[in-house]
């Protein structure tokens, strides 16, 4: 059976933790439940927002099990299995092969720069041997970020079906057109909060960290942009951008933790050595959120036309 086209809002699910740093299972169930209720189109599990690099293998396994159990088959599931080398990544992924994930995702190895040919070989070998199709995770905070030309080359591989590209520019979806991507069954997921504009320019979807705390707004913005409701999309994008300002009062993930706590989703999501915000800064985050509001305006009547599928 063909996999569903990965698209829309695919939040990178945080990993709630308790005082002993074990996964807070009830909190994770609430968090995923809110995502599904909001109508997200997929879930990205054990990504940077979950701090896959800091949690233990046991924590990662628990989180992956909980998300899969709550989500069921309602939306596509992507599991990040990034590690530092080909064998290590393949072995790490194999520990999750019994779970019902649709895709695996992987960053390039990030410790030291590799020659470009070795990076191509890394992703091609993963795609050849992983038990699930591969989504490339391309992020600027690793030293081996792929170039656009390298992404285009890897998109030719039949088992590399997409990329989460954390790229500030908005032109890649125009240079790699929708028809070209559809021909390859390839999804371009933008790691950006500029959902309205990037959707209008052809992005297939988004992996927004803000989707943890504000999934209703992210989904409504996607829907408005896809429907060609430009006025509503502009207003919702402005609202989301103003909410993003609340993430600037301290480390971004610490601010996101305060936002999720404000919504009653979790108490903590930052494994050691990361720290929560102090009470005063947390109040600034909450005050900024309350000033803007996190729920979208009611939907307008459908607009004729809209973007192609």
Protein backbone atom coordinates (compact mmCIF):
# COMPACT_ATOMS: atom_id res chain seq x y z
CA UNK A 1 0.00 0.00 0.00
CA UNK A 2 1.37 3.42 -0.96
CA UNK A 3 2.26 5.79 1.83
CA UNK A 4 0.17 8.95 2.16
CA UNK A 5 1.80 12.10 0.82
CA UNK A 6 3.44 13.81 3.77
CA UNK A 7 2.01 17.31 3.97
CA UNK A 8 0.47 20.01 6.12
CA UNK A 9 1.27 20.66 9.77
CA UNK A 10 3.57 17.99 11.22
CA UNK A 11 4.57 19.24 14.69
CA UNK A 12 7.85 18.05 16.22
CA UNK A 13 6.39 16.55 19.38
CA UNK A 14 8.06 17.59 22.64
CA UNK A 15 8.99 14.99 25.25
CA UNK A 16 7.34 15.82 28.60
CA UNK A 17 9.41 14.59 31.53
CA UNK A 18 8.77 14.15 35.22
CA UNK A 19 10.98 15.06 38.20
CA UNK A 20 13.02 11.87 37.69
CA UNK A 21 13.40 12.72 33.98
CA UNK A 22 11.36 9.69 32.96
CA UNK A 23 8.84 10.38 30.19
CA UNK A 24 5.68 11.87 31.68
CA UNK A 25 3.28 9.52 29.90
CA UNK A 26 -0.02 11.25 30.84
CA UNK A 27 1.39 14.61 29.72
CA UNK A 28 2.61 13.17 26.41
CA UNK A 29 -0.81 11.63 25.87
CA UNK A 30 -2.43 15.03 26.47
CA UNK A 31 0.00 16.75 24.14
CA UNK A 32 -0.55 14.29 21.29
CA UNK A 33 -4.28 14.34 21.92
CA UNK A 34 -4.36 18.10 21.45
CA UNK A 35 -2.41 17.80 18.19
CA UNK A 36 -4.87 15.27 16.80
CA UNK A 37 -7.89 17.22 17.99
CA UNK A 38 -6.50 20.31 16.26
CA UNK A 39 -6.32 18.41 12.98
CA UNK A 40 -2.57 18.14 12.41
CA UNK A 41 -1.58 16.17 9.34
CA UNK A 42 1.27 14.16 10.87
CA UNK A 43 3.60 13.93 13.86
CA UNK A 44 7.39 14.23 13.96
CA UNK A 45 8.73 12.26 16.91
CA UNK A 46 12.09 12.46 18.73
CA UNK A 47 13.26 15.55 16.88
CA UNK A 48 15.20 18.54 18.15
CA UNK A 49 12.21 19.86 20.11
CA UNK A 50 12.16 16.49 21.91
CA UNK A 51 15.93 16.82 22.45
CA UNK A 52 16.61 13.38 21.05
CA UNK A 53 20.31 14.10 21.63
CA UNK A 54 19.85 14.43 25.40
CA UNK A 55 17.24 11.81 26.30
CA UNK A 56 18.20 8.20 26.95
CA UNK A 57 17.37 5.30 24.65
CA UNK A 58 14.78 4.14 27.17
CA UNK A 59 13.11 7.56 27.18
CA UNK A 60 13.12 7.66 23.38
CA UNK A 61 11.56 4.22 23.21
CA UNK A 62 8.85 5.14 25.70
CA UNK A 63 8.00 8.35 23.86
CA UNK A 64 7.86 6.56 20.51
CA UNK A 65 5.55 3.91 21.95
CA UNK A 66 3.20 6.44 23.54
CA UNK A 67 2.88 8.61 20.43
CA UNK A 68 2.22 5.58 18.23
CA UNK A 69 -0.41 4.24 20.64
CA UNK A 70 -2.28 7.56 20.93
CA UNK A 71 -2.08 8.44 17.24
CA UNK A 72 -2.92 4.99 15.92
CA UNK A 73 -3.23 5.18 12.16
CA UNK A 74 -4.93 8.58 12.09
CA UNK A 75 -1.93 10.52 10.77
CA UNK A 76 1.47 9.66 9.25
CA UNK A 77 4.23 9.27 11.83
CA UNK A 78 7.87 10.26 11.33
CA UNK A 79 10.51 9.04 13.79
CA UNK A 80 13.88 10.76 13.90
CA UNK A 81 16.64 8.14 14.32
CA UNK A 82 19.65 10.43 13.81
CA UNK A 83 23.04 9.24 14.97
CA UNK A 84 26.68 9.88 14.14
CA UNK A 85 27.45 7.28 11.49
CA UNK A 86 25.90 4.88 9.02
CA UNK A 87 26.06 1.75 11.18
CA UNK A 88 25.03 3.62 14.31
CA UNK A 89 21.98 5.15 12.61
CA UNK A 90 20.88 1.85 11.07
CA UNK A 91 21.27 0.06 14.39
CA UNK A 92 19.37 2.80 16.24
CA UNK A 93 16.52 2.67 13.75
CA UNK A 94 16.29 -1.12 14.04
CA UNK A 95 15.29 -0.77 17.70
CA UNK A 96 12.03 0.85 16.56
CA UNK A 97 11.22 -1.41 13.62
CA UNK A 98 8.42 -3.11 15.56
CA UNK A 99 6.53 0.18 15.98
CA UNK A 100 4.06 1.44 13.34
CA UNK A 101 6.03 4.41 12.03
CA UNK A 102 5.65 5.39 8.40
CA UNK A 103 8.98 7.15 7.91
CA UNK A 104 12.36 7.45 9.55
CA UNK A 105 14.17 10.80 9.56
CA UNK A 106 17.88 11.50 9.91
CA UNK A 107 20.20 14.46 10.21
CA UNK A 108 23.63 14.33 8.64
CA UNK A 109 26.36 13.31 11.09
CA UNK A 110 27.10 16.52 12.94
CA UNK A 111 30.37 16.24 14.85
CA UNK A 112 32.98 17.03 12.19
CA UNK A 113 32.73 18.11 8.53
CA UNK A 114 32.57 15.27 5.98
CA UNK A 115 33.50 15.44 2.30
CA UNK A 116 30.35 16.00 0.25
CA UNK A 117 30.50 12.59 -1.41
CA UNK A 118 30.47 10.90 1.97
CA UNK A 119 27.28 12.75 2.93
CA UNK A 120 25.56 11.61 -0.26
CA UNK A 121 26.73 8.06 0.43
CA UNK A 122 25.47 8.28 4.02
CA UNK A 123 21.90 9.14 3.04
CA UNK A 124 21.84 6.79 0.05
CA UNK A 125 22.99 3.88 2.20
CA UNK A 126 20.41 4.67 4.88
CA UNK A 127 17.68 4.78 2.24
CA UNK A 128 18.82 1.45 0.84
CA UNK A 129 18.77 -0.34 4.19
CA UNK A 130 16.27 1.29 6.55
CA UNK A 131 13.01 -0.60 6.99
CA UNK A 132 11.06 2.62 6.40
CA UNK A 133 11.39 5.31 3.72
CA UNK A 134 13.69 8.16 4.67
CA UNK A 135 12.96 11.84 5.30
CA UNK A 136 16.10 13.99 5.33
CA UNK A 137 16.41 16.38 8.26
CA UNK A 138 18.47 19.33 7.02
CA UNK A 139 19.30 21.87 9.73
CA UNK A 140 21.77 24.77 9.94
CA UNK A 141 22.97 23.90 13.44
CA UNK A 142 24.88 20.84 12.20
CA UNK A 143 28.23 21.19 10.51
CA UNK A 144 27.21 18.99 7.55
CA UNK A 145 24.13 20.83 6.31
CA UNK A 146 23.22 19.71 2.80
CA UNK A 147 23.20 22.16 -0.07
CA UNK A 148 20.12 22.58 -2.24
CA UNK A 149 21.85 20.80 -5.13
CA UNK A 150 22.62 17.87 -2.84
CA UNK A 151 18.97 17.72 -1.74
CA UNK A 152 17.89 17.62 -5.39
CA UNK A 153 20.35 14.81 -6.07
CA UNK A 154 19.15 12.77 -3.09
CA UNK A 155 15.51 13.35 -4.07
CA UNK A 156 16.17 11.06 -7.04
CA UNK A 157 16.48 8.09 -4.67
CA UNK A 158 13.16 6.18 -4.70
CA UNK A 159 13.21 5.62 -0.93
CA UNK A 160 14.03 9.21 0.05
CA UNK A 161 10.57 10.73 0.14
CA UNK A 162 11.06 14.17 1.62
CA UNK A 163 13.02 16.71 3.57
CA UNK A 164 12.49 18.86 6.61
CA UNK A 165 14.53 21.85 5.48
CA UNK A 166 15.28 24.42 8.17
CA UNK A 167 16.17 27.08 5.64
CA UNK A 168 15.32 30.78 6.12
CA UNK A 169 14.81 31.50 2.43
CA UNK A 170 11.50 30.94 0.63
CA UNK A 171 12.73 30.26 -2.90
CA UNK A 172 13.56 26.56 -2.77
CA UNK A 173 9.94 25.52 -3.29
CA UNK A 174 9.98 27.57 -6.48
CA UNK A 175 13.30 26.18 -7.72
CA UNK A 176 12.08 22.64 -6.95
CA UNK A 177 8.57 22.93 -8.33
CA UNK A 178 5.47 21.14 -7.12
CA UNK A 179 5.13 19.06 -10.34
CA UNK A 180 8.78 17.96 -10.06
CA UNK A 181 8.26 16.93 -6.46
CA UNK A 182 5.04 15.07 -7.24
CA UNK A 183 6.81 13.20 -10.03
CA UNK A 184 9.34 11.97 -7.47
CA UNK A 185 6.76 11.48 -4.67
CA UNK A 186 8.89 13.90 -2.64
CA UNK A 187 7.63 16.24 0.09
CA UNK A 188 9.27 19.55 0.92
CA UNK A 189 8.55 20.31 4.58
CA UNK A 190 9.73 23.74 5.65
CA UNK A 191 11.18 24.20 9.12
CA UNK A 192 9.70 27.70 9.34
CA UNK A 193 6.93 29.60 11.12
CA UNK A 194 6.17 31.53 7.91
CA UNK A 195 3.42 29.07 7.11
CA UNK A 196 1.16 31.41 5.13
CA UNK A 197 3.79 32.79 2.76
CA UNK A 198 5.69 29.53 2.32
CA UNK A 199 2.46 27.64 1.59
CA UNK A 200 1.55 30.17 -1.08
CA UNK A 201 4.99 29.60 -2.62
CA UNK A 202 4.51 25.86 -2.79
CA UNK A 203 5.73 24.23 0.43
CA UNK A 204 4.16 20.82 1.04
CA UNK A 205 4.08 21.26 4.79
CA UNK A 206 5.75 22.44 7.97
CA UNK A 207 7.40 21.06 11.08
CA UNK A 208 6.78 24.01 13.44
CA UNK A 209 7.89 23.76 17.07
CA UNK A 210 5.14 26.27 17.92
CA UNK A 211 2.69 23.60 16.84
CA UNK A 212 3.17 21.95 20.23
CA UNK A 213 1.54 24.84 22.07
CA UNK A 214 -0.57 26.34 19.27
CA UNK A 215 -1.60 23.54 16.90
CA UNK A 216 -5.05 24.99 16.25
CA UNK A 217 -3.55 28.21 14.94
CA UNK A 218 -0.98 26.45 12.77
CA UNK A 219 -3.62 24.19 11.19
CA UNK A 220 -6.03 27.09 10.62
CA UNK A 221 -3.24 29.09 8.96
CA UNK A 222 -2.35 26.20 6.68
CA UNK A 223 -6.00 25.69 5.77
CA UNK A 224 -6.53 29.38 5.01
CA UNK A 225 -3.39 29.59 2.86
CA UNK A 226 -4.28 26.42 0.98
CA UNK A 227 -7.81 27.68 0.36
CA UNK A 228 -6.56 30.97 -1.05
CA UNK A 229 -8.20 32.94 1.76
CA UNK A 230 -5.43 35.53 1.71
CA UNK A 231 -6.98 37.94 4.20
CA UNK A 232 -7.50 35.31 6.88
CA UNK A 233 -4.10 33.76 6.18
CA UNK A 234 -2.44 37.15 6.65
CA UNK A 235 -4.22 37.76 9.96
CA UNK A 236 -3.40 34.28 11.26
CA UNK A 237 0.23 34.58 10.14
CA UNK A 238 0.49 37.90 11.98
CA UNK A 239 -0.96 36.27 15.09
CA UNK A 240 1.50 33.36 14.89
CA UNK A 241 4.42 35.71 14.33
CA UNK A 242 3.42 37.76 17.37
CA UNK A 243 3.21 34.55 19.39
CA UNK A 244 6.70 33.63 18.18
CA UNK A 245 7.93 36.76 19.93
CA UNK A 246 6.95 35.12 23.21
CA UNK A 247 9.62 32.51 22.43
CA UNK A 248 12.35 35.19 22.50
CA UNK A 249 12.40 35.99 26.23
CA UNK A 250 14.92 33.22 26.86
CA UNK A 251 16.10 29.99 25.21
CA UNK A 252 13.44 29.08 22.66
CA UNK A 253 12.63 25.62 24.02
CA UNK A 254 12.45 26.93 27.59
CA UNK A 255 9.91 29.52 26.42
CA UNK A 256 8.00 26.81 24.56
CA UNK A 257 7.94 24.78 27.77
CA UNK A 258 6.36 27.74 29.57
CA UNK A 259 3.79 28.08 26.78
CA UNK A 260 2.88 24.39 26.93
CA UNK A 261 2.65 24.61 30.72
CA UNK A 262 0.33 27.59 30.36
CA UNK A 263 -1.97 25.41 28.26
CA UNK A 264 -1.92 22.64 30.87
CA UNK A 265 -0.11 20.20 28.61
CA UNK A 266 3.01 19.49 30.64
CA UNK A 267 5.18 20.69 33.50
CA UNK A 268 8.64 20.04 32.06
CA UNK A 269 10.16 19.09 28.72
CA UNK A 270 13.84 20.02 29.12
CA UNK A 271 16.25 17.18 30.02
CA UNK A 272 19.45 17.97 31.90
CA UNK A 273 21.51 20.05 31.55
CA UNK A 274 18.77 22.32 30.17
CA UNK A 275 16.90 24.51 32.64
CA UNK A 276 13.40 25.94 32.83
CA UNK A 277 12.81 29.69 32.83
CA UNK A 278 12.76 31.52 36.12
CA UNK A 279 9.25 32.48 37.34
CA UNK A 280 9.53 36.12 36.26
CA UNK A 281 10.54 35.23 32.70
CA UNK A 282 7.83 32.57 32.53
CA UNK A 283 5.28 35.24 33.42
CA UNK A 284 6.55 37.39 30.54
CA UNK A 285 5.97 34.49 28.15
CA UNK A 286 2.47 33.88 29.47
CA UNK A 287 1.62 37.58 29.40
CA UNK A 288 2.71 37.85 25.76
CA UNK A 289 0.61 34.81 24.84
CA UNK A 290 -2.46 36.13 26.64
CA UNK A 291 -2.05 39.50 24.92
CA UNK A 292 -2.08 37.89 21.47
CA UNK A 293 -4.35 34.88 22.04
CA UNK A 294 -3.51 31.44 20.74
CA UNK A 295 -6.79 30.32 19.16
CA UNK A 296 -7.57 31.24 15.54
CA UNK A 297 -10.46 33.42 14.45
CA UNK A 298 -13.49 31.48 13.15
CA UNK A 299 -13.11 30.20 9.62
CA UNK A 300 -14.71 32.16 6.80
CA UNK A 301 -16.72 30.67 3.97
CA UNK A 302 -14.64 28.56 1.57
CA UNK A 303 -12.87 30.55 -1.13
CA UNK A 304 -13.12 29.33 -4.72
CA UNK A 305 -9.86 28.18 -6.24
CA UNK A 306 -7.08 27.70 -3.75
CA UNK A 307 -3.75 25.99 -4.32
CA UNK A 308 -3.26 22.79 -6.33
CA UNK A 309 -2.86 19.59 -4.36
